[in-house]
C-alpha cells in the first residue's frame, strides 16, 4: 500500500534518483498556456522540486503545495534566494485561495493521489479564464520492464516481495491513458485535453539505482529485512553487469484549458 507520508523521509533519494522531466515538456506547457512572466502558478505535490525548478529558475510566481513539513522546509531552503516562490504545507484538498487566481496549475506524478471528482473541479475553480491545467506522470516504474536487466531486477522483487510485482501491460497503459483523459473531463469543465509523450534513456550507476528503488513509497511497506535483501541482491546483480543499468523513461503530459 502506498503511503504519502513516506516521502517526508526519503527526500534525498527522491531528488537524486528520480529521473526528472525533459525541458521540452515545460516549454510545451508554456507555449500551450501562453503564460507571461507575471503569470501565477500553482504546483500540486512539489516533492523536492524536480518539476518546480523550471518555474522558479525562470522567475515565475509559483506556489508549491506539499504535505510533508520536512519537504516544505527543504523546498523553502532550496529556493530561499527566489522571493517569487513559496512552499505551503497543505494538501490540495485543504488548500484555500481566491477563485480565478492562477494562470497554470500543474502536478508532476502526484495528481493520482487526489480523487478526480474533487481535484479537477477545484483546479477549474482556482484557474483564471483560459487558464491551463497540466498533469503529467512517469510510466517507467509501472509498465512491465522492457530490458533484460530490468526484468532481472523484477525477478529479485518477485523473490522477496511478490506483492510489489504490480506492473501493468502496454494494453493496460493504453487504458490508463484514456482513463486520465476522461478524468480531466469530470463534469465537462475543461476543454478536450492535449496529450504529449516524451521518451529517453536514463543511465544509472548501482548506487543511484538503489536510491531509485528506495524512493518509492510502497517499498517502505516492506520490513527492513526484506528491503535490505532486495537492495543487496540488486546491487550484486548490477555490479556483476558493470555497475550500470539503463532505464527507458516515458512521461505522458495532459493539458487542458478552462
C-alpha atoms as a PDB file:
ATOM      1  CA  UNK A   1       0.000   0.000   0.000  1.00  0.00           C
ATOM      2  CA  UNK A   2       1.387   3.366  -0.972  1.00  0.00           C
ATOM      3  CA  UNK A   3       1.777   5.917   1.803  1.00  0.00           C
ATOM      4  CA  UNK A   4       2.131   9.618   1.041  1.00  0.00           C
ATOM      5  CA  UNK A   5       3.778  10.295   4.429  1.00  0.00           C
ATOM      6  CA  UNK A   6       6.813   8.210   3.450  1.00  0.00           C
ATOM      7  CA  UNK A   7       8.014  10.912   1.046  1.00  0.00           C
ATOM      8  CA  UNK A   8       8.861  13.122   4.015  1.00  0.00           C
ATOM      9  CA  UNK A   9      11.579  10.612   4.949  1.00  0.00           C
ATOM     10  CA  UNK A  10      13.177   9.922   1.547  1.00  0.00           C
ATOM     11  CA  UNK A  11      13.741  13.417   0.167  1.00  0.00           C
ATOM     12  CA  UNK A  12      17.406  12.937  -0.721  1.00  0.00           C
ATOM     13  CA  UNK A  13      16.956   9.623  -2.553  1.00  0.00           C
ATOM     14  CA  UNK A  14      13.952  11.023  -4.411  1.00  0.00           C
ATOM     15  CA  UNK A  15      15.775  14.120  -5.633  1.00  0.00           C
ATOM     16  CA  UNK A  16      18.973  12.318  -6.614  1.00  0.00           C
ATOM     17  CA  UNK A  17      17.457   9.243  -8.227  1.00  0.00           C
ATOM     18  CA  UNK A  18      14.092  10.075  -9.736  1.00  0.00           C
ATOM     19  CA  UNK A  19      14.558  10.841 -13.445  1.00  0.00           C
ATOM     20  CA  UNK A  20      13.069  14.334 -13.550  1.00  0.00           C
ATOM     21  CA  UNK A  21      11.366  15.792 -16.613  1.00  0.00           C
ATOM     22  CA  UNK A  22      12.617  16.964 -20.019  1.00  0.00           C
ATOM     23  CA  UNK A  23      12.829  20.703 -20.609  1.00  0.00           C
ATOM     24  CA  UNK A  24      10.698  20.230 -23.731  1.00  0.00           C
ATOM     25  CA  UNK A  25       7.731  19.332 -21.532  1.00  0.00           C
ATOM     26  CA  UNK A  26       7.862  22.667 -19.724  1.00  0.00           C
ATOM     27  CA  UNK A  27       8.267  24.661 -22.921  1.00  0.00           C
ATOM     28  CA  UNK A  28       5.270  22.792 -24.351  1.00  0.00           C
ATOM     29  CA  UNK A  29       3.197  23.831 -21.324  1.00  0.00           C
ATOM     30  CA  UNK A  30       4.424  27.422 -21.647  1.00  0.00           C
ATOM     31  CA  UNK A  31       3.534  27.565 -25.343  1.00  0.00           C
ATOM     32  CA  UNK A  32       0.131  25.948 -24.860  1.00  0.00           C
ATOM     33  CA  UNK A  33      -0.797  28.231 -21.962  1.00  0.00           C
ATOM     34  CA  UNK A  34       0.892  31.326 -23.450  1.00  0.00           C
ATOM     35  CA  UNK A  35       1.968  32.374 -19.971  1.00  0.00           C
ATOM     36  CA  UNK A  36       3.870  35.585 -19.447  1.00  0.00           C
ATOM     37  CA  UNK A  37       6.453  36.338 -16.768  1.00  0.00           C
ATOM     38  CA  UNK A  38       3.848  37.812 -14.436  1.00  0.00           C
ATOM     39  CA  UNK A  39       1.821  34.580 -14.504  1.00  0.00           C
ATOM     40  CA  UNK A  40       0.803  32.954 -11.224  1.00  0.00           C
ATOM     41  CA  UNK A  41       1.384  29.224 -10.991  1.00  0.00           C
ATOM     42  CA  UNK A  42       0.287  26.574  -8.504  1.00  0.00           C
ATOM     43  CA  UNK A  43       2.052  23.226  -8.203  1.00  0.00           C
ATOM     44  CA  UNK A  44       0.353  20.288  -6.501  1.00  0.00           C
ATOM     45  CA  UNK A  45       2.819  17.926  -4.838  1.00  0.00           C
ATOM     46  CA  UNK A  46       6.184  19.621  -5.337  1.00  0.00           C
ATOM     47  CA  UNK A  47       8.280  16.892  -3.728  1.00  0.00           C
ATOM     48  CA  UNK A  48      11.916  18.050  -3.684  1.00  0.00           C
ATOM     49  CA  UNK A  49      11.289  20.366  -6.639  1.00  0.00           C
ATOM     50  CA  UNK A  50      12.110  18.346  -9.741  1.00  0.00           C
ATOM     51  CA  UNK A  51       9.324  19.968 -11.739  1.00  0.00           C
ATOM     52  CA  UNK A  52       9.306  23.152  -9.650  1.00  0.00           C
ATOM     53  CA  UNK A  53      12.802  24.088 -10.737  1.00  0.00           C
ATOM     54  CA  UNK A  54      11.884  25.235 -14.243  1.00  0.00           C
ATOM     55  CA  UNK A  55       9.325  27.755 -12.996  1.00  0.00           C
ATOM     56  CA  UNK A  56      11.433  29.039 -10.122  1.00  0.00           C
ATOM     57  CA  UNK A  57      14.560  29.493 -12.250  1.00  0.00           C
ATOM     58  CA  UNK A  58      12.522  31.230 -14.971  1.00  0.00           C
ATOM     59  CA  UNK A  59      11.240  33.761 -12.449  1.00  0.00           C
ATOM     60  CA  UNK A  60       7.562  32.808 -12.446  1.00  0.00           C
ATOM     61  CA  UNK A  61       5.483  33.448  -9.326  1.00  0.00           C
ATOM     62  CA  UNK A  62       4.885  29.928  -8.055  1.00  0.00           C
ATOM     63  CA  UNK A  63       3.275  28.365  -5.004  1.00  0.00           C
ATOM     64  CA  UNK A  64       4.226  24.766  -4.267  1.00  0.00           C
ATOM     65  CA  UNK A  65       1.926  22.581  -2.178  1.00  0.00           C
ATOM     66  CA  UNK A  66       3.443  19.755  -0.153  1.00  0.00           C
ATOM     67  CA  UNK A  67       2.040  17.541   2.587  1.00  0.00           C
ATOM     68  CA  UNK A  68       5.294  16.891   4.404  1.00  0.00           C
ATOM     69  CA  UNK A  69       6.668  19.542   6.743  1.00  0.00           C
ATOM     70  CA  UNK A  70      10.220  18.347   6.063  1.00  0.00           C
ATOM     71  CA  UNK A  71       9.676  18.647   2.336  1.00  0.00           C
ATOM     72  CA  UNK A  72       8.303  22.164   2.766  1.00  0.00           C
ATOM     73  CA  UNK A  73      11.352  23.097   4.838  1.00  0.00           C
ATOM     74  CA  UNK A  74      13.616  21.543   2.206  1.00  0.00           C
ATOM     75  CA  UNK A  75      11.933  23.474  -0.626  1.00  0.00           C
ATOM     76  CA  UNK A  76      11.991  26.743   1.312  1.00  0.00           C
ATOM     77  CA  UNK A  77      15.733  26.367   1.900  1.00  0.00           C
ATOM     78  CA  UNK A  78      16.443  25.203  -1.662  1.00  0.00           C
ATOM     79  CA  UNK A  79      14.725  28.248  -3.160  1.00  0.00           C
ATOM     80  CA  UNK A  80      15.448  30.754  -0.396  1.00  0.00           C
ATOM     81  CA  UNK A  81      17.024  33.206  -2.855  1.00  0.00           C
ATOM     82  CA  UNK A  82      13.883  33.283  -5.020  1.00  0.00           C
ATOM     83  CA  UNK A  83      11.250  35.532  -3.414  1.00  0.00           C
ATOM     84  CA  UNK A  84       8.649  34.637  -6.065  1.00  0.00           C
ATOM     85  CA  UNK A  85       8.477  31.051  -4.735  1.00  0.00           C
ATOM     86  CA  UNK A  86       6.606  29.944  -1.642  1.00  0.00           C
ATOM     87  CA  UNK A  87       6.131  26.435  -0.279  1.00  0.00           C
ATOM     88  CA  UNK A  88       2.878  25.719   1.546  1.00  0.00           C
ATOM     89  CA  UNK A  89       2.338  22.719   3.819  1.00  0.00           C
ATOM     90  CA  UNK A  90      -1.097  21.605   2.722  1.00  0.00           C
ATOM     91  CA  UNK A  91      -2.967  19.043   0.701  1.00  0.00           C
ATOM     92  CA  UNK A  92      -4.646  20.371  -2.428  1.00  0.00           C
ATOM     93  CA  UNK A  93      -7.989  19.330  -0.977  1.00  0.00           C
ATOM     94  CA  UNK A  94      -7.454  21.594   2.065  1.00  0.00           C
ATOM     95  CA  UNK A  95      -5.716  24.453   0.244  1.00  0.00           C
ATOM     96  CA  UNK A  96      -7.678  27.693   0.068  1.00  0.00           C
ATOM     97  CA  UNK A  97      -7.236  30.672  -2.237  1.00  0.00           C
ATOM     98  CA  UNK A  98      -9.362  33.135  -4.170  1.00  0.00           C
ATOM     99  CA  UNK A  99     -11.205  31.898  -7.291  1.00  0.00           C
ATOM    100  CA  UNK A 100      -9.553  32.590 -10.658  1.00  0.00           C
ATOM    101  CA  UNK A 101      -6.127  33.242  -9.138  1.00  0.00           C
ATOM    102  CA  UNK A 102      -3.813  31.071 -11.236  1.00  0.00           C
ATOM    103  CA  UNK A 103      -2.760  31.023 -14.868  1.00  0.00           C
ATOM    104  CA  UNK A 104      -1.413  27.475 -14.677  1.00  0.00           C
ATOM    105  CA  UNK A 105      -1.976  24.662 -12.193  1.00  0.00           C
ATOM    106  CA  UNK A 106       0.234  21.627 -12.649  1.00  0.00           C
ATOM    107  CA  UNK A 107       1.101  18.373 -10.936  1.00  0.00           C
ATOM    108  CA  UNK A 108       4.056  16.092 -11.676  1.00  0.00           C
ATOM    109  CA  UNK A 109       3.499  12.394 -10.935  1.00  0.00           C
ATOM    110  CA  UNK A 110       1.298  13.317  -7.985  1.00  0.00           C
ATOM    111  CA  UNK A 111      -2.278  14.031  -9.051  1.00  0.00           C
ATOM    112  CA  UNK A 112      -3.276  10.355  -8.779  1.00  0.00           C
ATOM    113  CA  UNK A 113      -3.321  10.876  -5.009  1.00  0.00           C
ATOM    114  CA  UNK A 114      -6.368  13.155  -5.414  1.00  0.00           C
ATOM    115  CA  UNK A 115      -9.846  11.960  -6.311  1.00  0.00           C
ATOM    116  CA  UNK A 116     -10.582  13.341  -9.804  1.00  0.00           C
ATOM    117  CA  UNK A 117     -14.112  14.391  -8.843  1.00  0.00           C
ATOM    118  CA  UNK A 118     -12.518  16.665  -6.231  1.00  0.00           C
ATOM    119  CA  UNK A 119      -9.241  17.676  -7.861  1.00  0.00           C
ATOM    120  CA  UNK A 120     -10.288  18.776 -11.329  1.00  0.00           C
ATOM    121  CA  UNK A 121     -13.323  20.890 -10.318  1.00  0.00           C
ATOM    122  CA  UNK A 122     -11.245  22.593  -7.623  1.00  0.00           C
ATOM    123  CA  UNK A 123      -8.455  23.340 -10.105  1.00  0.00           C
ATOM    124  CA  UNK A 124     -11.030  24.739 -12.517  1.00  0.00           C
ATOM    125  CA  UNK A 125     -12.353  26.995  -9.761  1.00  0.00           C
ATOM    126  CA  UNK A 126      -8.854  28.334  -8.977  1.00  0.00           C
ATOM    127  CA  UNK A 127      -7.812  28.939 -12.586  1.00  0.00           C
ATOM    128  CA  UNK A 128      -8.305  32.204 -14.428  1.00  0.00           C
ATOM    129  CA  UNK A 129     -10.342  32.205 -17.612  1.00  0.00           C
ATOM    130  CA  UNK A 130      -8.311  30.379 -20.290  1.00  0.00           C
ATOM    131  CA  UNK A 131      -6.041  29.109 -17.540  1.00  0.00           C
ATOM    132  CA  UNK A 132      -4.402  25.724 -18.029  1.00  0.00           C
ATOM    133  CA  UNK A 133      -4.421  22.522 -16.026  1.00  0.00           C
ATOM    134  CA  UNK A 134      -1.345  20.378 -16.767  1.00  0.00           C
ATOM    135  CA  UNK A 135      -0.809  16.953 -15.245  1.00  0.00           C
ATOM    136  CA  UNK A 136       1.966  14.539 -16.149  1.00  0.00           C
ATOM    137  CA  UNK A 137       3.284  11.207 -14.982  1.00  0.00           C
ATOM    138  CA  UNK A 138       6.323   8.982 -15.272  1.00  0.00           C
ATOM    139  CA  UNK A 139       5.421   5.498 -16.520  1.00  0.00           C
ATOM    140  CA  UNK A 140       8.707   3.536 -16.358  1.00  0.00           C
ATOM    141  CA  UNK A 141       8.022   2.438 -12.785  1.00  0.00           C
ATOM    142  CA  UNK A 142       4.575   0.994 -13.520  1.00  0.00           C
ATOM    143  CA  UNK A 143       4.774  -0.548 -17.021  1.00  0.00           C
ATOM    144  CA  UNK A 144       6.311  -4.004 -17.466  1.00  0.00           C
ATOM    145  CA  UNK A 145      10.108  -3.792 -17.917  1.00  0.00           C
ATOM    146  CA  UNK A 146      11.425  -3.905 -21.483  1.00  0.00           C
ATOM    147  CA  UNK A 147      15.092  -4.835 -20.939  1.00  0.00           C
ATOM    148  CA  UNK A 148      16.857  -7.971 -19.708  1.00  0.00           C
ATOM    149  CA  UNK A 149      18.477  -6.200 -16.763  1.00  0.00           C
ATOM    150  CA  UNK A 150      15.241  -4.608 -15.600  1.00  0.00           C
ATOM    151  CA  UNK A 151      13.499  -7.975 -15.851  1.00  0.00           C
ATOM    152  CA  UNK A 152      16.185  -9.475 -13.633  1.00  0.00           C
ATOM    153  CA  UNK A 153      15.543  -6.719 -11.085  1.00  0.00           C
ATOM    154  CA  UNK A 154      11.853  -7.598 -11.354  1.00  0.00           C
ATOM    155  CA  UNK A 155      12.692 -11.215 -10.524  1.00  0.00           C
ATOM    156  CA  UNK A 156      14.525 -10.050  -7.400  1.00  0.00           C
ATOM    157  CA  UNK A 157      11.388  -8.246  -6.259  1.00  0.00           C
ATOM    158  CA  UNK A 158       9.334 -11.359  -7.025  1.00  0.00           C
ATOM    159  CA  UNK A 159      11.627 -13.468  -4.852  1.00  0.00           C
ATOM    160  CA  UNK A 160      11.438 -11.296  -1.739  1.00  0.00           C
ATOM    161  CA  UNK A 161       8.241  -9.253  -2.154  1.00  0.00           C
ATOM    162  CA  UNK A 162       5.897 -10.604  -4.848  1.00  0.00           C
ATOM    163  CA  UNK A 163       3.238  -8.183  -3.622  1.00  0.00           C
ATOM    164  CA  UNK A 164       5.258  -5.363  -5.223  1.00  0.00           C
ATOM    165  CA  UNK A 165       5.141  -7.005  -8.651  1.00  0.00           C
ATOM    166  CA  UNK A 166       2.271  -4.805  -9.797  1.00  0.00           C
ATOM    167  CA  UNK A 167       3.424  -3.743 -13.262  1.00  0.00           C
ATOM    168  CA  UNK A 168       0.792  -3.102 -15.894  1.00  0.00           C
ATOM    169  CA  UNK A 169       0.884  -4.274 -19.501  1.00  0.00           C
ATOM    170  CA  UNK A 170       1.140  -1.986 -22.535  1.00  0.00           C
ATOM    171  CA  UNK A 171      -2.568  -2.563 -23.147  1.00  0.00           C
ATOM    172  CA  UNK A 172      -3.383  -1.575 -19.576  1.00  0.00           C
ATOM    173  CA  UNK A 173      -1.200   1.513 -20.044  1.00  0.00           C
ATOM    174  CA  UNK A 174      -3.366   2.499 -23.016  1.00  0.00           C
ATOM    175  CA  UNK A 175      -6.451   2.078 -20.846  1.00  0.00           C
ATOM    176  CA  UNK A 176      -4.829   4.230 -18.149  1.00  0.00           C
ATOM    177  CA  UNK A 177      -4.126   6.889 -20.766  1.00  0.00           C
ATOM    178  CA  UNK A 178      -7.797   7.004 -21.765  1.00  0.00           C
ATOM    179  CA  UNK A 179      -8.871   6.994 -18.118  1.00  0.00           C
ATOM    180  CA  UNK A 180      -6.746  10.060 -17.394  1.00  0.00           C
ATOM    181  CA  UNK A 181      -8.261  11.864 -20.356  1.00  0.00           C
ATOM    182  CA  UNK A 182     -11.758  11.027 -19.117  1.00  0.00           C
ATOM    183  CA  UNK A 183     -10.901  12.161 -15.580  1.00  0.00           C
ATOM    184  CA  UNK A 184      -9.870  15.587 -16.853  1.00  0.00           C
ATOM    185  CA  UNK A 185     -13.327  15.727 -18.400  1.00  0.00           C
ATOM    186  CA  UNK A 186     -15.003  15.377 -14.984  1.00  0.00           C
ATOM    187  CA  UNK A 187     -18.214  17.467 -15.032  1.00  0.00           C
ATOM    188  CA  UNK A 188     -17.195  18.617 -18.547  1.00  0.00           C
ATOM    189  CA  UNK A 189     -15.477  21.689 -17.166  1.00  0.00           C
ATOM    190  CA  UNK A 190     -12.232  21.673 -19.160  1.00  0.00           C
ATOM    191  CA  UNK A 191     -11.729  21.657 -22.893  1.00  0.00           C
ATOM    192  CA  UNK A 192     -10.592  18.414 -24.517  1.00  0.00           C
ATOM    193  CA  UNK A 193      -7.023  17.796 -23.303  1.00  0.00           C
ATOM    194  CA  UNK A 194      -3.933  17.884 -25.474  1.00  0.00           C
ATOM    195  CA  UNK A 195      -1.583  14.983 -24.765  1.00  0.00           C
ATOM    196  CA  UNK A 196       2.131  14.529 -25.425  1.00  0.00           C
ATOM    197  CA  UNK A 197       4.651  11.746 -24.818  1.00  0.00           C
ATOM    198  CA  UNK A 198       8.363  12.119 -24.018  1.00  0.00           C
ATOM    199  CA  UNK A 199      10.838   9.224 -24.131  1.00  0.00           C
ATOM    200  CA  UNK A 200      14.554   8.945 -23.385  1.00  0.00           C
ATOM    201  CA  UNK A 201      17.159   6.594 -21.916  1.00  0.00           C
ATOM    202  CA  UNK A 202      18.422   7.237 -18.394  1.00  0.00           C
ATOM    203  CA  UNK A 203      21.676   5.663 -17.227  1.00  0.00           C
ATOM    204  CA  UNK A 204      22.025   4.649 -13.567  1.00  0.00           C
ATOM    205  CA  UNK A 205      25.011   3.601 -11.504  1.00  0.00           C
ATOM    206  CA  UNK A 206      24.408   0.883  -8.919  1.00  0.00           C
ATOM    207  CA  UNK A 207      24.249   3.443  -6.113  1.00  0.00           C
ATOM    208  CA  UNK A 208      21.769   5.718  -7.883  1.00  0.00           C
ATOM    209  CA  UNK A 209      19.560   2.806  -8.899  1.00  0.00           C
ATOM    210  CA  UNK A 210      19.359   1.635  -5.280  1.00  0.00           C
ATOM    211  CA  UNK A 211      18.335   5.176  -4.344  1.00  0.00           C
ATOM    212  CA  UNK A 212      15.644   4.993  -7.018  1.00  0.00           C
ATOM    213  CA  UNK A 213      14.325   1.746  -5.549  1.00  0.00           C
ATOM    214  CA  UNK A 214      14.268   3.366  -2.114  1.00  0.00           C
ATOM    215  CA  UNK A 215      12.355   6.414  -3.398  1.00  0.00           C
ATOM    216  CA  UNK A 216       9.044   4.590  -3.913  1.00  0.00           C
ATOM    217  CA  UNK A 217       6.522   4.632  -1.104  1.00  0.00           C
ATOM    218  CA  UNK A 218       5.348   1.030  -1.499  1.00  0.00           C
ATOM    219  CA  UNK A 219       8.937  -0.201  -0.987  1.00  0.00           C
ATOM    220  CA  UNK A 220       8.710   1.164   2.557  1.00  0.00           C
ATOM    221  CA  UNK A 221       5.713  -1.003   3.357  1.00  0.00           C
ATOM    222  CA  UNK A 222       8.170  -3.923   3.496  1.00  0.00           C
ATOM    223  CA  UNK A 223      10.100  -4.990   6.571  1.00  0.00           C
ATOM    224  CA  UNK A 224      13.628  -3.654   6.965  1.00  0.00           C
ATOM    225  CA  UNK A 225      14.987  -7.160   6.365  1.00  0.00           C
ATOM    226  CA  UNK A 226      13.132  -7.581   3.070  1.00  0.00           C
ATOM    227  CA  UNK A 227      14.113  -4.111   1.841  1.00  0.00           C
ATOM    228  CA  UNK A 228      17.764  -4.764   2.621  1.00  0.00           C
ATOM    229  CA  UNK A 229      17.698  -8.182   0.957  1.00  0.00           C
ATOM    230  CA  UNK A 230      16.273  -6.679  -2.230  1.00  0.00           C
ATOM    231  CA  UNK A 231      18.794  -3.830  -2.233  1.00  0.00           C
ATOM    232  CA  UNK A 232      21.728  -6.184  -1.581  1.00  0.00           C
ATOM    233  CA  UNK A 233      20.669  -8.642  -4.286  1.00  0.00           C
ATOM    234  CA  UNK A 234      20.046  -5.839  -6.802  1.00  0.00           C
ATOM    235  CA  UNK A 235      23.410  -4.233  -6.040  1.00  0.00           C
ATOM    236  CA  UNK A 236      25.192  -7.561  -6.525  1.00  0.00           C
ATOM    237  CA  UNK A 237      23.449  -8.111  -9.857  1.00  0.00           C
ATOM    238  CA  UNK A 238      24.058  -4.602 -11.274  1.00  0.00           C
ATOM    239  CA  UNK A 239      27.694  -4.684 -10.148  1.00  0.00           C
ATOM    240  CA  UNK A 240      28.118  -8.026 -11.939  1.00  0.00           C
ATOM    241  CA  UNK A 241      26.984  -6.277 -15.132  1.00  0.00           C
ATOM    242  CA  UNK A 242      29.495  -3.449 -14.889  1.00  0.00           C
ATOM    243  CA  UNK A 243      27.804  -1.301 -12.272  1.00  0.00           C
ATOM    244  CA  UNK A 244      25.422   0.421 -14.694  1.00  0.00           C
ATOM    245  CA  UNK A 245      21.806  -0.075 -15.760  1.00  0.00           C
ATOM    246  CA  UNK A 246      19.803   1.688 -18.479  1.00  0.00           C
ATOM    247  CA  UNK A 247      16.200   2.676 -17.780  1.00  0.00           C
ATOM    248  CA  UNK A 248      13.932   3.635 -20.704  1.00  0.00           C
ATOM    249  CA  UNK A 249      11.900   6.605 -19.475  1.00  0.00           C
ATOM    250  CA  UNK A 250       8.455   7.712 -20.584  1.00  0.00           C
ATOM    251  CA  UNK A 251       6.398  10.686 -19.434  1.00  0.00           C
ATOM    252  CA  UNK A 252       2.850  11.478 -20.534  1.00  0.00           C
ATOM    253  CA  UNK A 253       1.558  15.044 -20.366  1.00  0.00           C
ATOM    254  CA  UNK A 254      -2.104  16.121 -20.357  1.00  0.00           C
ATOM    255  CA  UNK A 255      -3.017  19.811 -20.788  1.00  0.00           C
ATOM    256  CA  UNK A 256      -6.496  21.323 -20.793  1.00  0.00           C
ATOM    257  CA  UNK A 257      -7.825  24.894 -20.843  1.00  0.00           C
ATOM    258  CA  UNK A 258     -10.587  26.381 -18.733  1.00  0.00           C
END
